[in-house]
């Protein structure tokens, strides 16, 4: 390997394999040459944030919120494509309705859920309990509406 002020060169058996121009400006900046990427990584380049956003918008409000959170969670949007692709595959494996319910459940825990947390919710079947949990909360609230007991909402102020 040879590093100069303007270039970085990589050699193998005294033959130069590749040469890159050094980036100037922001620290931690990076550049990728598509031809140097493995084939399975290159397929993610066909994807883009707009494609994932439009798919999520068709799927449902909660899925759209999760996709937007994923796409903005990394320094470079492309770094989140794998997680977005994983969500797309979860919809194929479980169903669009279950994915939407799992995203809703995950958003009750955090504003920016991860792919792994949604996958775990689906695998454990917790997405199926969302509607019954909400019904229990509504019933409890109705029963306590005239009592002296203060609920959790009182302490959130």
N, C-alpha and C. Protein backbone atom coordinates (compact mmCIF):
# COMPACT_ATOMS: atom_id res chain seq x y z
N UNK A 1 0.84 -1.16 0.00
CA UNK A 1 0.00 0.00 0.00
C UNK A 1 0.90 1.23 0.00
N UNK A 2 0.54 2.21 -0.83
CA UNK A 2 1.28 3.47 -0.85
C UNK A 2 0.28 4.61 -0.64
N UNK A 3 0.61 5.46 0.33
CA UNK A 3 -0.27 6.58 0.66
C UNK A 3 0.51 7.88 0.47
N UNK A 4 -0.03 8.75 -0.37
CA UNK A 4 0.58 10.07 -0.57
C UNK A 4 -0.45 11.13 -0.16
N UNK A 5 -0.10 12.41 -0.35
CA UNK A 5 -1.02 13.48 0.00
C UNK A 5 -2.30 13.45 -0.85
N UNK A 6 -2.19 12.96 -2.08
CA UNK A 6 -3.33 13.03 -2.99
C UNK A 6 -3.94 11.69 -3.37
N UNK A 7 -3.20 10.59 -3.20
CA UNK A 7 -3.72 9.29 -3.63
C UNK A 7 -3.41 8.18 -2.62
N UNK A 8 -4.18 7.11 -2.76
CA UNK A 8 -3.93 5.88 -2.03
C UNK A 8 -3.89 4.77 -3.07
N UNK A 9 -2.79 4.01 -3.09
CA UNK A 9 -2.62 2.94 -4.07
C UNK A 9 -2.47 1.61 -3.34
N UNK A 10 -3.04 0.57 -3.92
CA UNK A 10 -2.94 -0.76 -3.33
C UNK A 10 -2.25 -1.66 -4.36
N UNK A 11 -1.23 -2.38 -3.88
CA UNK A 11 -0.44 -3.25 -4.75
C UNK A 11 -0.60 -4.70 -4.31
N UNK A 12 -0.45 -5.61 -5.27
CA UNK A 12 -0.41 -7.04 -5.00
C UNK A 12 0.65 -7.64 -5.92
N UNK A 13 1.64 -8.29 -5.35
CA UNK A 13 2.78 -8.84 -6.11
C UNK A 13 3.41 -7.79 -6.99
N UNK A 14 3.66 -6.62 -6.42
CA UNK A 14 4.30 -5.48 -7.07
C UNK A 14 3.50 -4.90 -8.24
N UNK A 15 2.27 -5.33 -8.39
CA UNK A 15 1.39 -4.74 -9.42
C UNK A 15 0.31 -3.90 -8.74
N UNK A 16 0.11 -2.70 -9.28
CA UNK A 16 -0.92 -1.85 -8.70
C UNK A 16 -2.29 -2.38 -9.08
N UNK A 17 -3.11 -2.65 -8.07
CA UNK A 17 -4.46 -3.16 -8.29
C UNK A 17 -5.44 -2.00 -8.45
N UNK A 18 -5.30 -1.02 -7.56
CA UNK A 18 -6.25 0.08 -7.57
C UNK A 18 -5.59 1.35 -7.04
N UNK A 19 -6.12 2.47 -7.48
CA UNK A 19 -5.67 3.77 -7.03
C UNK A 19 -6.90 4.63 -6.75
N UNK A 20 -6.91 5.27 -5.60
CA UNK A 20 -8.02 6.15 -5.23
C UNK A 20 -7.49 7.54 -4.92
N UNK A 21 -8.25 8.54 -5.30
CA UNK A 21 -7.94 9.91 -4.95
C UNK A 21 -8.35 10.10 -3.49
N UNK A 22 -7.50 10.75 -2.69
CA UNK A 22 -7.83 10.98 -1.28
C UNK A 22 -8.87 12.08 -1.17
N UNK A 23 -9.77 11.90 -0.24
CA UNK A 23 -10.82 12.89 -0.01
C UNK A 23 -10.31 13.98 0.93
N UNK A 24 -10.71 15.18 0.66
CA UNK A 24 -10.36 16.30 1.53
C UNK A 24 -11.65 16.87 2.09
N UNK A 25 -11.61 17.39 3.28
CA UNK A 25 -12.80 18.02 3.85
C UNK A 25 -13.15 17.42 5.18
N UNK A 26 -14.32 16.84 5.26
CA UNK A 26 -14.83 16.33 6.53
C UNK A 26 -14.09 15.08 6.99
N UNK A 27 -13.82 15.02 8.28
CA UNK A 27 -13.19 13.85 8.86
C UNK A 27 -14.19 12.69 8.83
N UNK A 28 -13.74 11.49 8.53
CA UNK A 28 -14.60 10.31 8.48
C UNK A 28 -15.32 10.15 7.16
N UNK A 29 -15.02 11.00 6.20
CA UNK A 29 -15.64 10.92 4.89
C UNK A 29 -15.17 9.66 4.18
N UNK A 30 -16.02 9.08 3.35
CA UNK A 30 -15.60 7.90 2.62
C UNK A 30 -16.16 7.91 1.21
N UNK A 31 -15.55 7.11 0.37
CA UNK A 31 -15.96 7.01 -1.02
C UNK A 31 -15.87 5.54 -1.41
N UNK A 32 -16.83 5.08 -2.19
CA UNK A 32 -16.84 3.68 -2.59
C UNK A 32 -16.94 3.59 -4.10
N UNK A 33 -16.10 2.77 -4.69
CA UNK A 33 -16.18 2.49 -6.11
C UNK A 33 -17.04 1.24 -6.26
N UNK A 34 -18.11 1.37 -7.01
CA UNK A 34 -19.09 0.30 -7.13
C UNK A 34 -18.46 -1.01 -7.63
N UNK A 35 -17.55 -0.92 -8.56
CA UNK A 35 -16.92 -2.12 -9.11
C UNK A 35 -16.10 -2.89 -8.07
N UNK A 36 -15.70 -2.20 -7.01
CA UNK A 36 -14.88 -2.86 -5.99
C UNK A 36 -15.72 -3.51 -4.89
N UNK A 37 -17.02 -3.32 -4.95
CA UNK A 37 -17.91 -3.88 -3.94
C UNK A 37 -18.25 -5.33 -4.28
N UNK A 38 -18.51 -6.17 -3.27
CA UNK A 38 -18.98 -7.53 -3.54
C UNK A 38 -20.34 -7.47 -4.25
N UNK A 39 -20.65 -8.49 -5.02
CA UNK A 39 -21.88 -8.51 -5.81
C UNK A 39 -23.13 -8.36 -4.96
N UNK A 40 -23.17 -9.04 -3.80
CA UNK A 40 -24.37 -8.94 -2.96
C UNK A 40 -24.54 -7.54 -2.38
N UNK A 41 -23.45 -6.76 -2.25
CA UNK A 41 -23.56 -5.37 -1.80
C UNK A 41 -24.01 -4.47 -2.93
N UNK A 42 -23.62 -4.80 -4.15
CA UNK A 42 -23.99 -3.98 -5.30
C UNK A 42 -25.49 -3.98 -5.54
N UNK A 43 -26.17 -5.06 -5.19
CA UNK A 43 -27.62 -5.11 -5.43
C UNK A 43 -28.37 -4.10 -4.58
N UNK A 44 -27.78 -3.70 -3.43
CA UNK A 44 -28.42 -2.69 -2.60
C UNK A 44 -28.36 -1.30 -3.24
N UNK A 45 -27.44 -1.10 -4.16
CA UNK A 45 -27.35 0.19 -4.83
C UNK A 45 -28.56 0.44 -5.73
N UNK A 46 -29.21 -0.64 -6.17
CA UNK A 46 -30.42 -0.49 -6.97
C UNK A 46 -31.54 0.10 -6.13
N UNK A 47 -31.45 -0.09 -4.84
CA UNK A 47 -32.46 0.45 -3.93
C UNK A 47 -32.15 1.91 -3.66
N UNK A 48 -33.17 2.63 -3.24
CA UNK A 48 -32.94 3.98 -2.76
C UNK A 48 -34.02 4.31 -1.74
N UNK A 49 -33.79 5.37 -0.99
CA UNK A 49 -34.70 5.75 0.07
C UNK A 49 -36.12 6.01 -0.42
N UNK A 50 -36.25 6.62 -1.58
CA UNK A 50 -37.58 6.91 -2.12
C UNK A 50 -38.36 5.64 -2.40
N UNK A 51 -37.66 4.61 -2.88
CA UNK A 51 -38.33 3.33 -3.15
C UNK A 51 -38.87 2.73 -1.85
N UNK A 52 -38.05 2.76 -0.79
CA UNK A 52 -38.49 2.22 0.50
C UNK A 52 -39.62 3.06 1.09
N UNK A 53 -39.52 4.38 0.95
CA UNK A 53 -40.58 5.25 1.48
C UNK A 53 -41.91 5.02 0.79
N UNK A 54 -41.89 4.86 -0.53
CA UNK A 54 -43.16 4.64 -1.24
C UNK A 54 -43.76 3.29 -0.89
N UNK A 55 -42.92 2.27 -0.72
CA UNK A 55 -43.42 0.96 -0.31
C UNK A 55 -44.04 1.05 1.09
N UNK A 56 -43.35 1.75 1.99
CA UNK A 56 -43.83 1.87 3.37
C UNK A 56 -45.14 2.66 3.42
N UNK A 57 -45.26 3.68 2.59
CA UNK A 57 -46.49 4.48 2.57
C UNK A 57 -47.69 3.63 2.13
N UNK A 58 -47.45 2.71 1.20
CA UNK A 58 -48.52 1.81 0.76
C UNK A 58 -48.85 0.78 1.83
N UNK A 59 -47.88 0.45 2.66
CA UNK A 59 -48.06 -0.58 3.69
C UNK A 59 -48.88 -0.05 4.86
N UNK A 60 -48.53 1.13 5.36
CA UNK A 60 -49.27 1.68 6.49
C UNK A 60 -48.51 2.79 7.18
N UNK A 61 -49.21 3.53 7.99
CA UNK A 61 -48.64 4.69 8.68
C UNK A 61 -47.46 4.29 9.58
N UNK A 62 -47.63 3.24 10.38
CA UNK A 62 -46.58 2.83 11.33
C UNK A 62 -45.34 2.31 10.63
N UNK A 63 -45.54 1.54 9.57
CA UNK A 63 -44.40 1.04 8.80
C UNK A 63 -43.66 2.21 8.16
N UNK A 64 -44.41 3.18 7.66
CA UNK A 64 -43.81 4.37 7.06
C UNK A 64 -42.98 5.13 8.09
N UNK A 65 -43.48 5.24 9.30
CA UNK A 65 -42.75 5.92 10.37
C UNK A 65 -41.45 5.18 10.69
N UNK A 66 -41.51 3.86 10.75
CA UNK A 66 -40.32 3.06 11.05
C UNK A 66 -39.29 3.19 9.93
N UNK A 67 -39.73 3.10 8.67
CA UNK A 67 -38.80 3.22 7.54
C UNK A 67 -38.12 4.58 7.55
N UNK A 68 -38.88 5.64 7.80
CA UNK A 68 -38.27 6.98 7.87
C UNK A 68 -37.27 7.07 9.01
N UNK A 69 -37.58 6.45 10.13
CA UNK A 69 -36.64 6.44 11.26
C UNK A 69 -35.37 5.67 10.91
N UNK A 70 -35.52 4.53 10.23
CA UNK A 70 -34.36 3.75 9.81
C UNK A 70 -33.49 4.54 8.83
N UNK A 71 -34.12 5.17 7.85
CA UNK A 71 -33.37 5.89 6.81
C UNK A 71 -32.62 7.09 7.36
N UNK A 72 -33.09 7.65 8.46
CA UNK A 72 -32.40 8.81 9.04
C UNK A 72 -31.51 8.44 10.22
N UNK A 73 -31.42 7.15 10.54
CA UNK A 73 -30.66 6.73 11.72
C UNK A 73 -29.16 6.66 11.50
N UNK A 74 -28.72 6.58 10.28
CA UNK A 74 -27.29 6.44 9.98
C UNK A 74 -26.75 7.73 9.36
N UNK A 75 -25.44 7.87 9.36
CA UNK A 75 -24.82 9.06 8.75
C UNK A 75 -25.11 9.12 7.27
N UNK A 76 -25.02 7.97 6.60
CA UNK A 76 -25.34 7.90 5.17
C UNK A 76 -26.58 7.03 5.02
N UNK A 77 -27.55 7.50 4.26
CA UNK A 77 -28.82 6.78 4.10
C UNK A 77 -28.60 5.36 3.59
N UNK A 78 -27.62 5.17 2.74
CA UNK A 78 -27.36 3.86 2.16
C UNK A 78 -27.01 2.83 3.21
N UNK A 79 -26.49 3.25 4.35
CA UNK A 79 -26.13 2.32 5.41
C UNK A 79 -27.36 1.68 6.06
N UNK A 80 -28.52 2.27 5.85
CA UNK A 80 -29.74 1.71 6.44
C UNK A 80 -30.55 0.86 5.46
N UNK A 81 -30.09 0.74 4.23
CA UNK A 81 -30.85 0.00 3.21
C UNK A 81 -31.02 -1.47 3.58
N UNK A 82 -30.04 -2.05 4.22
CA UNK A 82 -30.14 -3.46 4.58
C UNK A 82 -31.28 -3.69 5.57
N UNK A 83 -31.42 -2.81 6.54
CA UNK A 83 -32.51 -2.92 7.51
C UNK A 83 -33.86 -2.72 6.82
N UNK A 84 -33.92 -1.77 5.89
CA UNK A 84 -35.16 -1.52 5.15
C UNK A 84 -35.52 -2.74 4.29
N UNK A 85 -34.52 -3.32 3.67
CA UNK A 85 -34.75 -4.52 2.87
C UNK A 85 -35.22 -5.67 3.76
N UNK A 86 -34.70 -5.74 4.96
CA UNK A 86 -35.13 -6.76 5.91
C UNK A 86 -36.61 -6.60 6.26
N UNK A 87 -37.06 -5.36 6.48
CA UNK A 87 -38.48 -5.13 6.75
C UNK A 87 -39.34 -5.55 5.57
N UNK A 88 -38.87 -5.25 4.38
CA UNK A 88 -39.59 -5.66 3.16
C UNK A 88 -39.75 -7.17 3.13
N UNK A 89 -38.69 -7.88 3.50
CA UNK A 89 -38.74 -9.35 3.51
C UNK A 89 -39.63 -9.87 4.64
N UNK A 90 -39.70 -9.15 5.76
CA UNK A 90 -40.59 -9.57 6.85
C UNK A 90 -42.05 -9.51 6.41
N UNK A 91 -42.39 -8.53 5.58
CA UNK A 91 -43.76 -8.43 5.06
C UNK A 91 -44.09 -9.64 4.20
N UNK A 92 -43.11 -10.14 3.47
CA UNK A 92 -43.33 -11.34 2.65
C UNK A 92 -43.47 -12.58 3.54
N UNK A 93 -42.67 -12.65 4.60
CA UNK A 93 -42.67 -13.83 5.45
C UNK A 93 -43.91 -13.90 6.35
N UNK A 94 -44.29 -12.79 6.97
CA UNK A 94 -45.38 -12.80 7.94
C UNK A 94 -46.69 -12.30 7.34
N UNK A 95 -46.72 -11.12 6.81
CA UNK A 95 -47.84 -10.48 6.11
C UNK A 95 -47.71 -8.98 6.34
N UNK A 96 -48.30 -8.23 5.46
CA UNK A 96 -48.24 -6.78 5.56
C UNK A 96 -48.98 -6.31 6.82
N UNK A 97 -50.12 -6.93 7.11
CA UNK A 97 -50.90 -6.53 8.29
C UNK A 97 -50.15 -6.79 9.58
N UNK A 98 -49.48 -7.93 9.68
CA UNK A 98 -48.72 -8.24 10.89
C UNK A 98 -47.52 -7.31 11.03
N UNK A 99 -46.89 -6.99 9.90
CA UNK A 99 -45.75 -6.06 9.95
C UNK A 99 -46.21 -4.70 10.44
N UNK A 100 -47.34 -4.23 9.94
CA UNK A 100 -47.88 -2.94 10.38
C UNK A 100 -48.17 -2.96 11.88
N UNK A 101 -48.75 -4.06 12.36
CA UNK A 101 -49.04 -4.19 13.80
C UNK A 101 -47.75 -4.24 14.62
N UNK A 102 -46.73 -4.92 14.11
CA UNK A 102 -45.45 -5.01 14.82
C UNK A 102 -44.78 -3.64 14.87
N UNK A 103 -44.87 -2.89 13.79
CA UNK A 103 -44.30 -1.54 13.77
C UNK A 103 -45.03 -0.65 14.78
N UNK A 104 -46.35 -0.80 14.85
CA UNK A 104 -47.13 -0.04 15.83
C UNK A 104 -46.68 -0.37 17.25
N UNK A 105 -46.51 -1.65 17.52
CA UNK A 105 -46.06 -2.10 18.85
C UNK A 105 -44.67 -1.56 19.16
N UNK A 106 -43.76 -1.64 18.19
CA UNK A 106 -42.39 -1.16 18.40
C UNK A 106 -42.35 0.34 18.64
N UNK A 107 -43.23 1.08 17.97
CA UNK A 107 -43.26 2.54 18.14
C UNK A 107 -43.79 2.95 19.52
N UNK A 108 -44.46 2.04 20.21
CA UNK A 108 -44.89 2.36 21.58
C UNK A 108 -43.70 2.33 22.54
N UNK A 109 -42.63 1.62 22.17
CA UNK A 109 -41.43 1.52 23.00
C UNK A 109 -40.44 2.63 22.71
N UNK A 110 -40.25 2.97 21.42
CA UNK A 110 -39.24 3.93 21.02
C UNK A 110 -39.65 4.61 19.72
N UNK A 111 -39.13 5.80 19.50
CA UNK A 111 -39.45 6.54 18.27
C UNK A 111 -38.65 6.04 17.08
N UNK A 112 -37.58 5.31 17.34
CA UNK A 112 -36.76 4.79 16.24
C UNK A 112 -36.43 3.32 16.47
N UNK A 113 -37.40 2.44 16.20
CA UNK A 113 -37.17 1.01 16.41
C UNK A 113 -36.20 0.44 15.37
N UNK A 114 -35.59 -0.66 15.72
CA UNK A 114 -34.64 -1.31 14.82
C UNK A 114 -35.33 -2.47 14.09
N UNK A 115 -34.68 -2.93 13.05
CA UNK A 115 -35.17 -4.10 12.32
C UNK A 115 -35.29 -5.29 13.27
N UNK A 116 -34.27 -5.46 14.10
CA UNK A 116 -34.23 -6.61 15.01
C UNK A 116 -35.39 -6.60 15.99
N UNK A 117 -35.74 -5.43 16.52
CA UNK A 117 -36.84 -5.37 17.48
C UNK A 117 -38.17 -5.74 16.81
N UNK A 118 -38.36 -5.32 15.59
CA UNK A 118 -39.60 -5.65 14.87
C UNK A 118 -39.63 -7.13 14.52
N UNK A 119 -38.49 -7.66 14.14
CA UNK A 119 -38.40 -9.09 13.84
C UNK A 119 -38.73 -9.92 15.08
N UNK A 120 -38.21 -9.50 16.23
CA UNK A 120 -38.48 -10.21 17.49
C UNK A 120 -39.96 -10.13 17.88
N UNK A 121 -40.59 -9.00 17.65
CA UNK A 121 -42.02 -8.85 17.94
C UNK A 121 -42.82 -9.82 17.09
N UNK A 122 -42.48 -9.91 15.80
CA UNK A 122 -43.19 -10.83 14.90
C UNK A 122 -42.94 -12.28 15.29
N UNK A 123 -41.70 -12.62 15.59
CA UNK A 123 -41.36 -14.00 15.93
C UNK A 123 -42.07 -14.46 17.21
N UNK A 124 -42.22 -13.54 18.16
CA UNK A 124 -42.88 -13.88 19.43
C UNK A 124 -44.40 -13.76 19.35
N UNK A 125 -44.91 -13.24 18.25
CA UNK A 125 -46.35 -13.09 18.09
C UNK A 125 -46.93 -11.95 18.89
N UNK A 126 -46.09 -11.03 19.35
CA UNK A 126 -46.58 -9.91 20.15
C UNK A 126 -47.41 -8.94 19.32
N UNK A 127 -47.25 -8.95 18.01
CA UNK A 127 -48.02 -8.07 17.14
C UNK A 127 -49.50 -8.42 17.16
N UNK A 128 -49.82 -9.64 17.47
CA UNK A 128 -51.22 -10.09 17.49
C UNK A 128 -51.94 -9.60 18.73
N UNK A 129 -51.21 -9.18 19.75
CA UNK A 129 -51.82 -8.76 21.01
C UNK A 129 -52.05 -7.26 21.08
N UNK A 130 -51.67 -6.52 20.05
CA UNK A 130 -51.79 -5.06 20.09
C UNK A 130 -53.23 -4.62 20.29
N UNK A 131 -54.16 -5.18 19.53
CA UNK A 131 -55.55 -4.74 19.62
C UNK A 131 -56.17 -5.12 20.97
N UNK A 132 -55.83 -6.28 21.52
CA UNK A 132 -56.40 -6.66 22.82
C UNK A 132 -55.78 -5.82 23.93
N UNK A 133 -54.50 -5.47 23.83
CA UNK A 133 -53.87 -4.61 24.83
C UNK A 133 -54.55 -3.25 24.84
N UNK A 134 -54.81 -2.69 23.67
CA UNK A 134 -55.47 -1.39 23.59
C UNK A 134 -56.87 -1.46 24.17
N UNK A 135 -57.58 -2.56 23.94
CA UNK A 135 -58.93 -2.72 24.49
C UNK A 135 -58.88 -2.77 26.01
N UNK A 136 -57.88 -3.46 26.58
CA UNK A 136 -57.73 -3.53 28.03
C UNK A 136 -57.49 -2.15 28.63
N UNK A 137 -56.66 -1.34 27.96
CA UNK A 137 -56.37 0.00 28.44
C UNK A 137 -57.65 0.84 28.42
N UNK A 138 -58.42 0.75 27.32
CA UNK A 138 -59.67 1.50 27.23
C UNK A 138 -60.65 1.08 28.33
N UNK A 139 -60.77 -0.20 28.61
CA UNK A 139 -61.68 -0.70 29.63
C UNK A 139 -61.26 -0.20 31.01
N UNK A 140 -59.97 -0.27 31.31
CA UNK A 140 -59.46 0.18 32.60
C UNK A 140 -59.70 1.67 32.78
N UNK A 141 -59.46 2.45 31.74
CA UNK A 141 -59.66 3.89 31.80
C UNK A 141 -61.12 4.22 32.06
N UNK A 142 -62.03 3.51 31.38
CA UNK A 142 -63.45 3.76 31.54
C UNK A 142 -63.89 3.43 32.96
N UNK A 143 -63.38 2.33 33.51
CA UNK A 143 -63.79 1.92 34.85
C UNK A 143 -63.32 2.93 35.91
N UNK A 144 -62.14 3.53 35.70
CA UNK A 144 -61.55 4.42 36.69
C UNK A 144 -61.87 5.89 36.43
N UNK A 145 -62.73 6.19 35.47
CA UNK A 145 -62.93 7.59 35.10
C UNK A 145 -63.58 8.40 36.23
N UNK A 146 -64.33 7.79 37.13
CA UNK A 146 -64.99 8.52 38.21
C UNK A 146 -64.38 8.23 39.58
N UNK A 147 -63.30 7.51 39.62
CA UNK A 147 -62.71 7.19 40.91
C UNK A 147 -61.65 8.21 41.28
N UNK A 148 -61.14 8.10 42.48
CA UNK A 148 -60.15 9.05 42.97
C UNK A 148 -58.75 8.65 42.51
N UNK A 149 -58.54 7.41 42.13
CA UNK A 149 -57.23 6.91 41.74
C UNK A 149 -56.71 7.65 40.52
N UNK A 150 -55.47 8.10 40.61
CA UNK A 150 -54.85 8.80 39.49
C UNK A 150 -54.16 7.77 38.60
N UNK A 151 -54.34 7.93 37.30
CA UNK A 151 -53.70 7.03 36.36
C UNK A 151 -52.34 7.52 35.93
N UNK A 152 -51.70 6.80 35.05
CA UNK A 152 -50.36 7.12 34.57
C UNK A 152 -50.33 8.48 33.85
N UNK A 153 -51.42 8.84 33.19
CA UNK A 153 -51.46 10.13 32.47
C UNK A 153 -51.27 11.31 33.43
N UNK A 154 -51.75 11.19 34.64
CA UNK A 154 -51.61 12.26 35.61
C UNK A 154 -50.13 12.57 35.89
N UNK A 155 -49.31 11.54 35.96
CA UNK A 155 -47.91 11.71 36.32
C UNK A 155 -47.01 12.08 35.14
N UNK A 156 -47.54 12.08 33.94
CA UNK A 156 -46.75 12.45 32.75
C UNK A 156 -46.69 13.96 32.57
N UNK A 157 -47.46 14.71 33.29
CA UNK A 157 -47.50 16.18 33.12
C UNK A 157 -46.22 16.83 33.52
